Amino acid sequence: MELQITNAIDQVGADAWNRVAGTGHPFLRHEFLAALERHGCVGEQYGWRPRHLLARDEQGQLIGAVPLYLKDNSYGEFVFDWAWADAFHRHGIPYYPKAVSSIPYTPATGPRVLVRPGVERAPVAVALVELGKALMEQEGLSSLHWLFTDAVDNRLLQEQGFMPRLGCQFHWHNQGYRDFEDFLSRLTSRKRKQLRRERRHVRDAGIELRVLHGHEMDHELWSIMHGFYRSTFEKKSGIPTLSQGFFEELSHTMGDQLVLVFAWHQGEPVAGAINFRGDDTLYGRHWGCREDFHSLHFEACYYQGIEYCIAHGLRCFEPGAQGEHKISRGFLPTATWSTHWIRDEGFRTAIGDFLRREQYGMRDYMESLAEQSPYRQVEVA
């Protein structure tokens, strides 16, 4: 087995990468990661420097990969370690740069240690993890983090000495609903009335909702949608790192996996939401608006997505990070995981103790939230 590190995913062929990563997770596709790099959405400017890990067999065929970045900040990760960085700084130890295996700006759970189907997983996966550790040592990095990992990678990484961290998101799960009314019928009477009232506010305002896939978009529609995307960041003094060119490229390379919701009022577009579709999951990613309408955010970002999942037989809807207000609208608290290796032994011990205590608190938090379930009988996520 030959191990390599590349600072540009285009140095790996799209077919070779996708044979390893698959196409069921849209954010792991070569097309998605390459578009980020080609359009300057990652790189020196934003502190996401690609260092993807690769494993090849004796014939030079790609059999394993890890999307990995050197980070000069913690922006766009959604697993918050600013307190760790501050503690390092106060002790005169640099926290940045660090290494992160993650999808930039995307808090979606999925595999991170990728091994080609049909290849014995264990030796390739362990070799890639060890390569990540070696990179950390060679570059003098403070730490190595794996964010929003799935159950398989969690086991692997903990066996390799990485410390687990528990987080919480709010996901909707399809219980075989026939339609939106069938979903509503499973809610308590009070919550059912709330959702119907919110949808009625949107209808009474004369809002028309349209759902398009990426291949149905053109430059003008993307200019409108990207304007919505930028507006949200501008209102919150954030940085809209994803360019219009990035989204337009994805329309051509993975159009069916882009699901766009437009809201129109009196013939003018007033709001929009950007979603991505995997094999069995819809991922809500971005939202923006030009005008404020009662409950339009809930309709465009949640209810349209739920209807889409039911109509297309998708198992799960992940609408993004945070947001306890999602519970009353059918999204239940769901565990998310990351794992961490801290190079400094003293800080590794201290952070490990913090993570153990934090996990107890997070479990209590999630249990209390589960008691607020809007379903007539609590559905377990």
Protein backbone atom coordinates (compact mmCIF):
# COMPACT_ATOMS: atom_id res chain seq x y z
CA MET A 1 0.00 0.00 0.00
CA GLU A 2 1.26 3.48 -0.93
CA LEU A 3 0.19 6.49 1.16
CA GLN A 4 0.12 10.03 -0.20
CA ILE A 5 -1.00 13.54 0.74
CA THR A 6 -2.31 15.93 -1.91
CA ASN A 7 -3.10 19.63 -1.63
CA ALA A 8 -5.54 19.60 -4.57
CA ILE A 9 -8.30 17.07 -5.12
CA ASP A 10 -8.07 17.59 -8.88
CA GLN A 11 -4.81 15.65 -8.69
CA VAL A 12 -7.10 12.66 -8.13
CA GLY A 13 -9.44 11.66 -10.93
CA ALA A 14 -13.14 12.13 -10.27
CA ASP A 15 -13.99 8.53 -11.17
CA ALA A 16 -11.26 7.15 -8.92
CA TRP A 17 -12.34 9.32 -5.96
CA ASN A 18 -16.04 8.53 -6.42
CA ARG A 19 -15.36 4.79 -6.61
CA VAL A 20 -13.97 5.17 -3.09
CA ALA A 21 -16.38 7.77 -1.68
CA GLY A 22 -19.51 6.78 -3.57
CA THR A 23 -22.10 9.32 -4.66
CA GLY A 24 -24.75 8.73 -2.00
CA HIS A 25 -23.31 11.43 0.27
CA PRO A 26 -23.33 14.56 -1.93
CA PHE A 27 -20.70 16.42 0.08
CA LEU A 28 -18.14 13.63 -0.31
CA ARG A 29 -18.35 13.60 -4.09
CA HIS A 30 -15.29 14.69 -6.03
CA GLU A 31 -17.51 17.20 -7.86
CA PHE A 32 -18.46 18.98 -4.62
CA LEU A 33 -14.99 19.07 -3.07
CA ALA A 34 -13.32 20.05 -6.35
CA ALA A 35 -15.77 22.91 -6.91
CA LEU A 36 -14.91 24.28 -3.46
CA GLU A 37 -11.24 24.38 -4.44
CA ARG A 38 -11.68 25.61 -8.02
CA HIS A 39 -13.86 28.55 -6.98
CA GLY A 40 -11.71 29.66 -4.05
CA CYS A 41 -14.27 28.71 -1.40
CA VAL A 42 -11.44 27.00 0.49
CA GLY A 43 -7.73 27.76 0.54
CA GLU A 44 -5.46 30.37 2.09
CA GLN A 45 -8.10 33.11 2.03
CA TYR A 46 -10.49 31.31 4.35
CA GLY A 47 -8.03 29.16 6.28
CA TRP A 48 -9.06 25.80 4.77
CA ARG A 49 -5.91 24.42 3.13
CA PRO A 50 -6.49 21.01 1.49
CA ARG A 51 -4.30 18.11 2.62
CA HIS A 52 -6.33 15.12 1.45
CA LEU A 53 -5.02 11.70 2.50
CA LEU A 54 -4.79 8.95 -0.11
CA ALA A 55 -4.06 5.21 -0.12
CA ARG A 56 -3.21 3.25 -3.29
CA ASP A 57 -2.73 -0.44 -3.91
CA GLU A 58 0.26 -2.09 -5.59
CA GLN A 59 -1.17 -1.25 -9.03
CA GLY A 60 -1.51 2.43 -8.11
CA GLN A 61 -5.31 2.27 -7.87
CA LEU A 62 -6.96 4.51 -5.27
CA ILE A 63 -8.37 2.34 -2.48
CA GLY A 64 -8.78 4.85 0.35
CA ALA A 65 -9.08 8.59 0.99
CA VAL A 66 -9.79 11.17 3.67
CA PRO A 67 -10.95 14.75 2.97
CA LEU A 68 -8.66 16.76 5.26
CA TYR A 69 -7.69 20.40 5.70
CA LEU A 70 -5.19 22.45 7.65
CA LYS A 71 -7.12 25.13 9.52
CA ASP A 72 -5.94 28.57 10.59
CA ASN A 73 -9.24 29.23 12.38
CA SER A 74 -12.36 27.37 13.51
CA TYR A 75 -14.78 29.06 11.12
CA GLY A 76 -17.23 26.86 9.24
CA GLU A 77 -16.74 23.74 11.38
CA PHE A 78 -19.82 23.76 13.66
CA VAL A 79 -17.99 21.83 16.38
CA PHE A 80 -16.93 24.66 18.62
CA ASP A 81 -13.42 24.64 20.08
CA TRP A 82 -12.78 28.37 20.57
CA ALA A 83 -12.42 27.84 24.32
CA TRP A 84 -9.67 25.28 23.63
CA ALA A 85 -7.90 27.74 21.34
CA ASP A 86 -8.14 30.44 24.01
CA ALA A 87 -6.70 28.12 26.67
CA PHE A 88 -3.76 27.25 24.39
CA HIS A 89 -3.17 30.96 23.72
CA ARG A 90 -3.20 31.85 27.43
CA HIS A 91 -0.54 29.20 28.02
CA GLY A 92 1.63 30.47 25.19
CA ILE A 93 1.01 27.45 22.94
CA PRO A 94 -0.30 27.98 19.39
CA TYR A 95 -3.57 26.16 18.67
CA TYR A 96 -3.56 27.03 14.97
CA PRO A 97 -2.84 25.55 12.55
CA LYS A 98 -4.66 22.32 13.28
CA ALA A 99 -5.88 19.50 11.01
CA VAL A 100 -9.56 18.79 10.42
CA SER A 101 -11.26 15.99 8.51
CA SER A 102 -14.54 17.63 7.66
CA ILE A 103 -16.71 18.96 4.85
CA PRO A 104 -16.15 22.73 4.83
CA TYR A 105 -19.11 24.76 6.08
CA THR A 106 -21.25 21.61 6.22
CA PRO A 107 -22.39 20.08 9.54
CA ALA A 108 -23.67 16.83 8.00
CA THR A 109 -22.88 13.42 9.45
CA GLY A 110 -21.20 10.92 7.14
CA PRO A 111 -18.12 8.76 6.63
CA ARG A 112 -14.73 10.47 6.72
CA VAL A 113 -12.36 7.50 6.40
CA LEU A 114 -13.25 6.32 2.91
CA VAL A 115 -12.34 2.84 1.66
CA ARG A 116 -13.26 1.46 -1.75
CA PRO A 117 -15.97 -1.24 -1.61
CA GLY A 118 -14.55 -4.73 -2.02
CA VAL A 119 -11.25 -3.80 -0.35
CA GLU A 120 -10.50 -5.04 3.18
CA ARG A 121 -11.36 -1.98 5.22
CA ALA A 122 -9.37 -2.29 8.45
CA PRO A 123 -5.76 -2.05 7.22
CA VAL A 124 -6.54 0.79 4.81
CA ALA A 125 -8.56 2.74 7.37
CA VAL A 126 -5.92 2.38 10.10
CA ALA A 127 -3.16 3.39 7.67
CA LEU A 128 -5.03 6.56 6.72
CA VAL A 129 -5.60 7.50 10.36
CA GLU A 130 -1.91 6.95 11.10
CA LEU A 131 -1.05 9.09 8.07
CA GLY A 132 -3.18 11.88 9.55
CA LYS A 133 -1.29 11.61 12.83
CA ALA A 134 2.03 11.65 10.98
CA LEU A 135 0.99 14.80 9.13
CA MET A 136 0.14 16.44 12.45
CA GLU A 137 3.61 15.63 13.80
CA GLN A 138 5.45 16.66 10.62
CA GLU A 139 3.63 19.98 10.34
CA GLY A 140 3.84 20.70 14.08
CA LEU A 141 0.06 20.96 14.35
CA SER A 142 -1.67 21.21 17.72
CA SER A 143 -4.36 18.65 17.00
CA LEU A 144 -6.29 16.45 14.58
CA HIS A 145 -10.10 16.51 14.52
CA TRP A 146 -12.69 14.36 12.73
CA LEU A 147 -16.05 16.14 12.57
CA PHE A 148 -19.58 14.73 12.11
CA THR A 149 -18.34 11.16 11.83
CA ASP A 150 -20.62 8.16 11.41
CA ALA A 151 -20.80 5.14 13.72
CA VAL A 152 -18.21 3.12 11.78
CA ASP A 153 -15.59 5.87 11.91
CA ASN A 154 -16.39 6.64 15.54
CA ARG A 155 -15.47 3.08 16.54
CA LEU A 156 -12.31 3.12 14.43
CA LEU A 157 -11.09 6.47 15.72
CA GLN A 158 -11.77 5.72 19.37
CA GLU A 159 -9.88 2.43 18.97
CA GLN A 160 -7.00 4.57 17.66
CA GLY A 161 -7.04 6.74 20.78
CA PHE A 162 -9.13 9.69 19.61
CA MET A 163 -11.43 11.28 22.19
CA PRO A 164 -15.17 11.38 21.34
CA ARG A 165 -17.32 14.47 21.62
CA LEU A 166 -21.11 14.33 21.65
CA GLY A 167 -23.21 17.02 19.98
CA CYS A 168 -26.87 17.44 19.14
CA GLN A 169 -28.84 18.34 16.04
CA PHE A 170 -32.54 18.09 15.21
CA HIS A 171 -33.52 15.65 12.46
CA TRP A 172 -36.84 14.59 10.94
CA HIS A 173 -37.38 10.90 10.28
CA ASN A 174 -39.80 9.52 7.73
CA GLN A 175 -42.08 6.93 9.33
CA GLY A 176 -43.51 5.87 6.00
CA TYR A 177 -45.87 8.85 5.78
CA ARG A 178 -48.26 8.86 2.81
CA ASP A 179 -48.32 12.66 2.61
CA PHE A 180 -47.96 15.79 4.76
CA GLU A 181 -51.41 15.31 6.27
CA ASP A 182 -50.43 11.81 7.36
CA PHE A 183 -47.36 13.30 9.06
CA LEU A 184 -49.55 15.92 10.77
CA SER A 185 -51.89 13.21 12.03
CA ARG A 186 -49.06 11.79 14.14
CA LEU A 187 -48.64 15.08 16.04
CA THR A 188 -50.46 16.19 19.14
CA SER A 189 -53.54 18.30 18.46
CA ARG A 190 -51.86 21.52 19.62
CA LYS A 191 -48.77 21.06 17.44
CA ARG A 192 -50.86 19.99 14.47
CA LYS A 193 -52.86 23.22 14.71
CA GLN A 194 -49.63 25.22 15.03
CA LEU A 195 -48.17 23.81 11.82
CA ARG A 196 -51.40 24.27 9.90
CA ARG A 197 -51.64 27.85 11.14
CA GLU A 198 -48.07 28.60 10.02
CA ARG A 199 -48.70 27.18 6.56
CA ARG A 200 -51.93 29.17 6.33
CA HIS A 201 -50.06 32.41 7.10
CA VAL A 202 -47.90 31.78 4.02
CA ARG A 203 -50.84 30.92 1.76
CA ASP A 204 -52.86 33.92 2.95
CA ALA A 205 -49.92 36.21 2.13
CA GLY A 206 -50.16 35.06 -1.48
CA ILE A 207 -46.79 33.29 -1.43
CA GLU A 208 -46.14 30.71 -4.14
CA LEU A 209 -43.53 28.03 -3.45
CA ARG A 210 -41.61 26.34 -6.27
CA VAL A 211 -39.14 23.46 -5.96
CA LEU A 212 -36.43 23.12 -8.62
CA HIS A 213 -33.47 20.78 -9.06
CA GLY A 214 -30.03 21.98 -10.03
CA HIS A 215 -30.34 21.03 -13.68
CA GLU A 216 -33.44 23.26 -13.93
CA MET A 217 -31.52 26.35 -12.78
CA ASP A 218 -30.01 28.98 -15.06
CA HIS A 219 -27.63 31.89 -14.46
CA GLU A 220 -30.45 34.33 -13.67
CA LEU A 221 -32.09 32.01 -11.13
CA TRP A 222 -28.72 31.38 -9.49
CA SER A 223 -28.12 35.14 -9.27
CA ILE A 224 -31.39 35.40 -7.36
CA MET A 225 -30.72 32.43 -5.10
CA HIS A 226 -27.14 33.45 -4.41
CA GLY A 227 -28.42 36.89 -3.45
CA PHE A 228 -30.63 35.23 -0.83
CA TYR A 229 -27.66 33.19 0.38
CA ARG A 230 -25.44 36.28 0.71
CA SER A 231 -28.14 38.30 2.46
CA THR A 232 -28.25 35.94 5.44
CA PHE A 233 -24.51 36.26 6.03
CA GLU A 234 -24.57 40.02 5.51
CA LYS A 235 -27.35 40.44 8.08
CA LYS A 236 -25.32 38.46 10.63
CA SER A 237 -21.94 40.02 9.70
CA GLY A 238 -20.77 36.65 8.40
CA ILE A 239 -18.72 35.68 5.36
CA PRO A 240 -20.54 34.20 2.32
CA THR A 241 -17.71 31.90 1.28
CA LEU A 242 -19.62 29.95 -1.39
CA SER A 243 -19.61 31.77 -4.71
CA GLN A 244 -22.30 31.78 -7.36
CA GLY A 245 -19.87 30.05 -9.69
CA PHE A 246 -19.52 27.21 -7.17
CA PHE A 247 -23.26 26.59 -7.16
CA GLU A 248 -23.56 26.91 -10.92
CA GLU A 249 -20.85 24.33 -11.43
CA LEU A 250 -22.67 21.92 -9.12
CA SER A 251 -25.83 22.42 -11.20
CA HIS A 252 -23.97 20.92 -14.13
CA THR A 253 -22.02 18.19 -12.32
CA MET A 254 -24.52 16.95 -9.70
CA GLY A 255 -27.75 18.75 -10.59
CA ASP A 256 -30.22 16.12 -9.35
CA GLN A 257 -28.69 16.36 -5.87
CA LEU A 258 -29.40 20.08 -5.59
CA VAL A 259 -32.94 20.88 -4.39
CA LEU A 260 -33.88 24.57 -4.44
CA VAL A 261 -37.00 26.11 -2.89
CA PHE A 262 -38.12 29.49 -4.24
CA ALA A 263 -40.79 31.71 -2.70
CA TRP A 264 -42.54 34.17 -5.03
CA HIS A 265 -44.85 37.05 -4.09
CA GLN A 266 -46.75 39.07 -6.69
CA GLY A 267 -44.48 37.74 -9.41
CA GLU A 268 -41.23 38.57 -7.60
CA PRO A 269 -38.84 36.16 -5.82
CA VAL A 270 -38.70 37.02 -2.13
CA ALA A 271 -36.94 34.07 -0.46
CA GLY A 272 -35.12 30.83 -1.16
CA ALA A 273 -33.57 27.76 0.42
CA ILE A 274 -30.74 25.54 -0.80
CA ASN A 275 -30.83 21.81 -0.04
CA PHE A 276 -28.74 18.82 -1.10
CA ARG A 277 -30.10 15.33 -1.62
CA GLY A 278 -28.32 12.06 -0.83
CA ASP A 279 -29.47 8.50 -1.39
CA ASP A 280 -31.78 8.55 1.63
CA THR A 281 -31.36 11.97 3.25
CA LEU A 282 -32.20 15.59 2.45
CA TYR A 283 -29.76 18.16 3.84
CA GLY A 284 -30.97 21.71 4.41
CA ARG A 285 -28.05 24.08 4.01
CA HIS A 286 -28.81 27.76 3.31
CA TRP A 287 -31.68 30.23 3.40
CA GLY A 288 -32.22 33.91 2.69
CA CYS A 289 -34.99 36.43 2.04
CA ARG A 290 -35.62 39.92 0.69
CA GLU A 291 -38.82 40.50 2.66
CA ASP A 292 -40.12 39.16 5.95
CA PHE A 293 -43.34 37.16 5.80
CA HIS A 294 -44.97 35.43 8.75
CA SER A 295 -43.78 31.77 8.99
CA LEU A 296 -42.14 31.80 5.54
CA HIS A 297 -38.86 30.53 6.98
CA PHE A 298 -40.62 27.51 8.47
CA GLU A 299 -42.42 26.80 5.19
CA ALA A 300 -39.40 27.14 2.88
CA CYS A 301 -36.82 25.50 5.13
CA TYR A 302 -38.84 22.80 6.94
CA TYR A 303 -42.27 22.01 5.53
CA GLN A 304 -41.26 22.02 1.88
CA GLY A 305 -38.37 19.72 2.79
CA ILE A 306 -40.62 17.34 4.70
CA GLU A 307 -43.02 17.21 1.74
CA TYR A 308 -40.10 16.54 -0.60
CA CYS A 309 -38.83 13.66 1.57
CA ILE A 310 -42.27 12.07 1.70
CA ALA A 311 -42.81 12.43 -2.04
CA HIS A 312 -39.39 10.99 -2.91
CA GLY A 313 -39.17 8.32 -0.23
CA LEU A 314 -36.22 9.83 1.62
CA ARG A 315 -35.60 8.44 5.10
CA CYS A 316 -34.29 11.52 6.89
CA PHE A 317 -34.19 15.32 6.73
CA GLU A 318 -31.23 17.09 8.36
CA PRO A 319 -32.04 20.83 8.27
CA GLY A 320 -28.68 22.03 9.61
CA ALA A 321 -27.08 22.81 12.95
CA GLN A 322 -28.75 23.97 16.17
CA GLY A 323 -32.31 25.24 16.61
CA GLU A 324 -34.51 23.96 19.46
CA HIS A 325 -37.48 25.60 17.70
CA LYS A 326 -37.32 22.71 15.22
CA ILE A 327 -38.65 20.25 17.82
CA SER A 328 -42.22 21.55 17.73
CA ARG A 329 -42.11 21.14 13.94
CA GLY A 330 -41.29 17.44 14.00
CA PHE A 331 -37.47 17.40 14.23
CA LEU A 332 -36.18 15.32 17.14
CA PRO A 333 -32.89 15.68 19.05
CA THR A 334 -30.30 13.42 17.39
CA ALA A 335 -26.75 12.67 18.51
CA THR A 336 -23.82 13.87 16.40
CA TRP A 337 -20.20 12.92 17.02
CA SER A 338 -16.68 14.15 16.50
CA THR A 339 -13.36 12.73 17.66
CA HIS A 340 -10.18 14.57 18.65
CA TRP A 341 -6.46 14.02 19.14
CA ILE A 342 -4.55 16.71 21.04
CA ARG A 343 -0.76 16.52 20.60
CA ASP A 344 0.18 18.27 23.88
CA GLU A 345 -0.16 15.63 26.62
CA GLY A 346 -1.24 18.06 29.33
CA PHE A 347 -3.96 19.60 27.21
CA ARG A 348 -4.99 16.15 25.95
CA THR A 349 -5.66 15.08 29.54
CA ALA A 350 -7.53 18.30 30.40
CA ILE A 351 -9.67 18.27 27.25
CA GLY A 352 -10.41 14.56 27.71
CA ASP A 353 -11.73 15.29 31.20
CA PHE A 354 -13.82 18.18 29.82
CA LEU A 355 -15.29 15.97 27.07
CA ARG A 356 -16.34 13.29 29.55
CA ARG A 357 -18.13 15.84 31.73
CA GLU A 358 -19.63 17.58 28.71
CA GLN A 359 -21.04 14.30 27.44
CA TYR A 360 -22.98 13.74 30.67
CA GLY A 361 -24.46 17.22 30.37
CA MET A 362 -25.27 16.77 26.68
CA ARG A 363 -27.10 13.50 27.34
CA ASP A 364 -29.19 15.17 30.06
CA TYR A 365 -29.92 18.05 27.66
CA MET A 366 -31.04 15.69 24.90
CA GLU A 367 -33.24 13.68 27.26
CA SER A 368 -34.98 16.84 28.42
CA LEU A 369 -35.54 17.92 24.82
CA ALA A 370 -36.96 14.51 23.89
CA GLU A 371 -39.69 15.10 26.47
CA GLN A 372 -40.86 18.03 24.31
CA SER A 373 -41.59 15.75 21.36
CA PRO A 374 -44.60 16.97 19.35
CA TYR A 375 -45.60 13.42 18.44
CA ARG A 376 -48.55 11.71 20.08
CA GLN A 377 -46.21 8.83 20.86
CA VAL A 378 -42.53 9.67 21.21
CA GLU A 379 -40.59 8.58 18.13
CA VAL A 380 -37.00 7.62 18.81
CA ALA A 381 -34.42 9.19 16.47
